[in-house]
Amino acid sequence: MQAIHLALQKIGVELYGSAYHKAGILVFEKPGDGYGFPMPKNGRYLLVGADKTFEG
């Protein structure tokens, strides 16, 4: 179970750290609403939208 959680966090880090996110090109459902992946605590300052509400 921990391996799955860590893998999902890795996906979140990759998404939020991508040039596409920084440029505002990467969108899931609604622009600025986040991607729905968990983030490690030290990366939560990057969260936006609903992700920030639930994780931040």
PDB file of N, CA and C in Angstrom:
ATOM      1  N   MET A   1       0.821  -1.191   0.000  1.00  0.00           N
ATOM      2  CA  MET A   1       0.000   0.000   0.000  1.00  0.00           C
ATOM      3  C   MET A   1       0.870   1.262   0.000  1.00  0.00           C
ATOM      4  N   GLN A   2       1.951   1.229   0.762  1.00  0.00           N
ATOM      5  CA  GLN A   2       2.838   2.385   0.817  1.00  0.00           C
ATOM      6  C   GLN A   2       3.478   2.638  -0.548  1.00  0.00           C
ATOM      7  N   ALA A   3       3.794   1.579  -1.255  1.00  0.00           N
ATOM      8  CA  ALA A   3       4.413   1.730  -2.578  1.00  0.00           C
ATOM      9  C   ALA A   3       3.461   2.431  -3.550  1.00  0.00           C
ATOM     10  N   ILE A   4       2.183   2.118  -3.458  1.00  0.00           N
ATOM     11  CA  ILE A   4       1.194   2.767  -4.328  1.00  0.00           C
ATOM     12  C   ILE A   4       1.110   4.256  -3.999  1.00  0.00           C
ATOM     13  N   HIS A   5       1.065   4.565  -2.711  1.00  0.00           N
ATOM     14  CA  HIS A   5       0.988   5.969  -2.293  1.00  0.00           C
ATOM     15  C   HIS A   5       2.222   6.746  -2.758  1.00  0.00           C
ATOM     16  N   LEU A   6       3.385   6.157  -2.608  1.00  0.00           N
ATOM     17  CA  LEU A   6       4.616   6.821  -3.045  1.00  0.00           C
ATOM     18  C   LEU A   6       4.638   7.007  -4.564  1.00  0.00           C
ATOM     19  N   ALA A   7       4.127   6.023  -5.286  1.00  0.00           N
ATOM     20  CA  ALA A   7       4.062   6.140  -6.746  1.00  0.00           C
ATOM     21  C   ALA A   7       3.117   7.270  -7.156  1.00  0.00           C
ATOM     22  N   LEU A   8       1.979   7.386  -6.469  1.00  0.00           N
ATOM     23  CA  LEU A   8       1.036   8.465  -6.770  1.00  0.00           C
ATOM     24  C   LEU A   8       1.636   9.827  -6.431  1.00  0.00           C
ATOM     25  N   GLN A   9       2.389   9.902  -5.337  1.00  0.00           N
ATOM     26  CA  GLN A   9       3.067  11.148  -4.992  1.00  0.00           C
ATOM     27  C   GLN A   9       4.102  11.510  -6.056  1.00  0.00           C
ATOM     28  N   LYS A  10       4.797  10.528  -6.562  1.00  0.00           N
ATOM     29  CA  LYS A  10       5.791  10.764  -7.619  1.00  0.00           C
ATOM     30  C   LYS A  10       5.118  11.354  -8.855  1.00  0.00           C
ATOM     31  N   ILE A  11       3.953  10.839  -9.196  1.00  0.00           N
ATOM     32  CA  ILE A  11       3.203  11.384 -10.332  1.00  0.00           C
ATOM     33  C   ILE A  11       2.833  12.840 -10.057  1.00  0.00           C
ATOM     34  N   GLY A  12       2.357  13.116  -8.850  1.00  0.00           N
ATOM     35  CA  GLY A  12       2.012  14.491  -8.484  1.00  0.00           C
ATOM     36  C   GLY A  12       3.197  15.432  -8.578  1.00  0.00           C
ATOM     37  N   VAL A  13       4.353  14.984  -8.106  1.00  0.00           N
ATOM     38  CA  VAL A  13       5.568  15.799  -8.173  1.00  0.00           C
ATOM     39  C   VAL A  13       5.944  16.067  -9.627  1.00  0.00           C
ATOM     40  N   GLU A  14       5.853  15.042 -10.453  1.00  0.00           N
ATOM     41  CA  GLU A  14       6.180  15.206 -11.874  1.00  0.00           C
ATOM     42  C   GLU A  14       5.218  16.185 -12.555  1.00  0.00           C
ATOM     43  N   LEU A  15       3.932  16.086 -12.231  1.00  0.00           N
ATOM     44  CA  LEU A  15       2.950  16.982 -12.843  1.00  0.00           C
ATOM     45  C   LEU A  15       3.161  18.429 -12.398  1.00  0.00           C
ATOM     46  N   TYR A  16       3.256  18.631 -11.091  1.00  0.00           N
ATOM     47  CA  TYR A  16       3.393  19.994 -10.573  1.00  0.00           C
ATOM     48  C   TYR A  16       4.757  20.604 -10.881  1.00  0.00           C
ATOM     49  N   GLY A  17       5.750  19.772 -11.110  1.00  0.00           N
ATOM     50  CA  GLY A  17       7.079  20.273 -11.439  1.00  0.00           C
ATOM     51  C   GLY A  17       7.327  20.436 -12.925  1.00  0.00           C
ATOM     52  N   SER A  18       6.349  20.087 -13.730  1.00  0.00           N
ATOM     53  CA  SER A  18       6.543  20.117 -15.184  1.00  0.00           C
ATOM     54  C   SER A  18       6.469  21.534 -15.748  1.00  0.00           C
ATOM     55  N   ALA A  19       7.111  21.705 -16.862  1.00  0.00           N
ATOM     56  CA  ALA A  19       7.056  22.986 -17.570  1.00  0.00           C
ATOM     57  C   ALA A  19       5.632  23.269 -18.051  1.00  0.00           C
ATOM     58  N   TYR A  20       4.880  22.219 -18.336  1.00  0.00           N
ATOM     59  CA  TYR A  20       3.496  22.391 -18.790  1.00  0.00           C
ATOM     60  C   TYR A  20       2.624  22.988 -17.686  1.00  0.00           C
ATOM     61  N   HIS A  21       2.848  22.545 -16.451  1.00  0.00           N
ATOM     62  CA  HIS A  21       2.102  23.119 -15.330  1.00  0.00           C
ATOM     63  C   HIS A  21       2.489  24.581 -15.138  1.00  0.00           C
ATOM     64  N   LYS A  22       3.770  24.844 -15.160  1.00  0.00           N
ATOM     65  CA  LYS A  22       4.249  26.216 -14.954  1.00  0.00           C
ATOM     66  C   LYS A  22       3.730  27.160 -16.031  1.00  0.00           C
ATOM     67  N   ALA A  23       3.578  26.648 -17.253  1.00  0.00           N
ATOM     68  CA  ALA A  23       3.077  27.468 -18.357  1.00  0.00           C
ATOM     69  C   ALA A  23       1.550  27.553 -18.372  1.00  0.00           C
ATOM     70  N   GLY A  24       0.887  26.750 -17.537  1.00  0.00           N
ATOM     71  CA  GLY A  24      -0.570  26.770 -17.487  1.00  0.00           C
ATOM     72  C   GLY A  24      -1.234  25.962 -18.588  1.00  0.00           C
ATOM     73  N   ILE A  25      -0.466  25.115 -19.257  1.00  0.00           N
ATOM     74  CA  ILE A  25      -0.991  24.315 -20.362  1.00  0.00           C
ATOM     75  C   ILE A  25      -1.634  23.022 -19.861  1.00  0.00           C
ATOM     76  N   LEU A  26      -1.111  22.480 -18.774  1.00  0.00           N
ATOM     77  CA  LEU A  26      -1.577  21.203 -18.245  1.00  0.00           C
ATOM     78  C   LEU A  26      -2.865  21.416 -17.453  1.00  0.00           C
ATOM     79  N   VAL A  27      -3.944  20.748 -17.873  1.00  0.00           N
ATOM     80  CA  VAL A  27      -5.258  20.938 -17.250  1.00  0.00           C
ATOM     81  C   VAL A  27      -5.927  19.585 -17.060  1.00  0.00           C
ATOM     82  N   PHE A  28      -6.588  19.411 -15.919  1.00  0.00           N
ATOM     83  CA  PHE A  28      -7.415  18.235 -15.665  1.00  0.00           C
ATOM     84  C   PHE A  28      -8.780  18.732 -15.223  1.00  0.00           C
ATOM     85  N   GLU A  29      -9.802  18.402 -15.945  1.00  0.00           N
ATOM     86  CA  GLU A  29     -11.184  18.846 -15.746  1.00  0.00           C
ATOM     87  C   GLU A  29     -11.335  20.352 -15.925  1.00  0.00           C
ATOM     88  N   LYS A  30     -10.929  21.162 -14.946  1.00  0.00           N
ATOM     89  CA  LYS A  30     -11.054  22.621 -15.051  1.00  0.00           C
ATOM     90  C   LYS A  30      -9.679  23.259 -14.884  1.00  0.00           C
ATOM     91  N   PRO A  31      -9.392  24.305 -15.623  1.00  0.00           N
ATOM     92  CA  PRO A  31      -8.110  24.992 -15.439  1.00  0.00           C
ATOM     93  C   PRO A  31      -7.948  25.513 -14.011  1.00  0.00           C
ATOM     94  N   GLY A  32      -6.775  25.303 -13.442  1.00  0.00           N
ATOM     95  CA  GLY A  32      -6.478  25.801 -12.106  1.00  0.00           C
ATOM     96  C   GLY A  32      -7.080  25.008 -10.970  1.00  0.00           C
ATOM     97  N   ASP A  33      -7.599  23.814 -11.264  1.00  0.00           N
ATOM     98  CA  ASP A  33      -8.267  23.025 -10.226  1.00  0.00           C
ATOM     99  C   ASP A  33      -7.395  21.910  -9.665  1.00  0.00           C
ATOM    100  N   GLY A  34      -6.191  21.740 -10.161  1.00  0.00           N
ATOM    101  CA  GLY A  34      -5.313  20.683  -9.674  1.00  0.00           C
ATOM    102  C   GLY A  34      -5.455  19.413 -10.491  1.00  0.00           C
ATOM    103  N   TYR A  35      -4.779  18.354 -10.024  1.00  0.00           N
ATOM    104  CA  TYR A  35      -4.724  17.107 -10.790  1.00  0.00           C
ATOM    105  C   TYR A  35      -5.227  15.894 -10.023  1.00  0.00           C
ATOM    106  N   GLY A  36      -5.444  16.024  -8.732  1.00  0.00           N
ATOM    107  CA  GLY A  36      -5.990  14.923  -7.955  1.00  0.00           C
ATOM    108  C   GLY A  36      -4.973  13.914  -7.454  1.00  0.00           C
ATOM    109  N   PHE A  37      -3.702  14.247  -7.506  1.00  0.00           N
ATOM    110  CA  PHE A  37      -2.668  13.348  -7.004  1.00  0.00           C
ATOM    111  C   PHE A  37      -2.123  13.876  -5.680  1.00  0.00           C
ATOM    112  N   PRO A  38      -1.800  12.973  -4.757  1.00  0.00           N
ATOM    113  CA  PRO A  38      -1.225  13.425  -3.486  1.00  0.00           C
ATOM    114  C   PRO A  38       0.181  13.983  -3.696  1.00  0.00           C
ATOM    115  N   MET A  39       0.564  14.888  -2.813  1.00  0.00           N
ATOM    116  CA  MET A  39       1.904  15.478  -2.864  1.00  0.00           C
ATOM    117  C   MET A  39       2.577  15.286  -1.514  1.00  0.00           C
ATOM    118  N   PRO A  40       3.895  15.117  -1.513  1.00  0.00           N
ATOM    119  CA  PRO A  40       4.603  15.085  -0.234  1.00  0.00           C
ATOM    120  C   PRO A  40       4.482  16.447   0.451  1.00  0.00           C
ATOM    121  N   LYS A  41       4.636  16.462   1.754  1.00  0.00           N
ATOM    122  CA  LYS A  41       4.453  17.706   2.512  1.00  0.00           C
ATOM    123  C   LYS A  41       5.357  18.831   2.027  1.00  0.00           C
ATOM    124  N   ASN A  42       6.573  18.512   1.642  1.00  0.00           N
ATOM    125  CA  ASN A  42       7.488  19.580   1.238  1.00  0.00           C
ATOM    126  C   ASN A  42       7.184  20.134  -0.154  1.00  0.00           C
ATOM    127  N   GLY A  43       6.202  19.592  -0.849  1.00  0.00           N
ATOM    128  CA  GLY A  43       5.828  20.104  -2.161  1.00  0.00           C
ATOM    129  C   GLY A  43       4.430  20.684  -2.210  1.00  0.00           C
ATOM    130  N   ARG A  44       3.779  20.748  -1.071  1.00  0.00           N
ATOM    131  CA  ARG A  44       2.382  21.192  -1.054  1.00  0.00           C
ATOM    132  C   ARG A  44       2.203  22.674  -1.350  1.00  0.00           C
ATOM    133  N   TYR A  45       3.265  23.437  -1.281  1.00  0.00           N
ATOM    134  CA  TYR A  45       3.159  24.856  -1.629  1.00  0.00           C
ATOM    135  C   TYR A  45       2.872  25.036  -3.118  1.00  0.00           C
ATOM    136  N   LEU A  46       3.090  23.999  -3.914  1.00  0.00           N
ATOM    137  CA  LEU A  46       2.833  24.059  -5.353  1.00  0.00           C
ATOM    138  C   LEU A  46       1.366  23.805  -5.704  1.00  0.00           C
ATOM    139  N   LEU A  47       0.595  23.292  -4.765  1.00  0.00           N
ATOM    140  CA  LEU A  47      -0.780  22.889  -5.050  1.00  0.00           C
ATOM    141  C   LEU A  47      -1.664  24.072  -5.424  1.00  0.00           C
ATOM    142  N   VAL A  48      -2.646  23.788  -6.269  1.00  0.00           N
ATOM    143  CA  VAL A  48      -3.622  24.798  -6.691  1.00  0.00           C
ATOM    144  C   VAL A  48      -5.027  24.212  -6.605  1.00  0.00           C
ATOM    145  N   GLY A  49      -6.009  25.071  -6.566  1.00  0.00           N
ATOM    146  CA  GLY A  49      -7.410  24.671  -6.644  1.00  0.00           C
ATOM    147  C   GLY A  49      -7.844  23.680  -5.586  1.00  0.00           C
ATOM    148  N   ALA A  50      -8.576  22.658  -6.027  1.00  0.00           N
ATOM    149  CA  ALA A  50      -9.113  21.648  -5.117  1.00  0.00           C
ATOM    150  C   ALA A  50      -7.999  20.871  -4.426  1.00  0.00           C
ATOM    151  N   ASP A  51      -6.885  20.681  -5.103  1.00  0.00           N
ATOM    152  CA  ASP A  51      -5.762  19.982  -4.469  1.00  0.00           C
ATOM    153  C   ASP A  51      -5.293  20.737  -3.231  1.00  0.00           C
ATOM    154  N   LYS A  52      -5.243  22.043  -3.316  1.00  0.00           N
ATOM    155  CA  LYS A  52      -4.814  22.860  -2.183  1.00  0.00           C
ATOM    156  C   LYS A  52      -5.824  22.764  -1.040  1.00  0.00           C
ATOM    157  N   THR A  53      -7.089  22.688  -1.374  1.00  0.00           N
ATOM    158  CA  THR A  53      -8.141  22.587  -0.364  1.00  0.00           C
ATOM    159  C   THR A  53      -8.030  21.285   0.420  1.00  0.00           C
ATOM    160  N   PHE A  54      -7.786  20.183  -0.276  1.00  0.00           N
ATOM    161  CA  PHE A  54      -7.779  18.879   0.373  1.00  0.00           C
ATOM    162  C   PHE A  54      -6.429  18.495   0.956  1.00  0.00           C
ATOM    163  N   GLU A  55      -5.337  18.885   0.332  1.00  0.00           N
ATOM    164  CA  GLU A  55      -4.001  18.483   0.786  1.00  0.00           C
ATOM    165  C   GLU A  55      -3.257  19.587   1.516  1.00  0.00           C
ATOM    166  N   GLY A  56      -3.491  20.829   1.122  1.00  0.00           N
ATOM    167  CA  GLY A  56      -2.707  21.949   1.629  1.00  0.00           C
ATOM    168  C   GLY A  56      -3.080  22.335   3.003  1.00  0.00           C
TER     169      GLY A  56
END
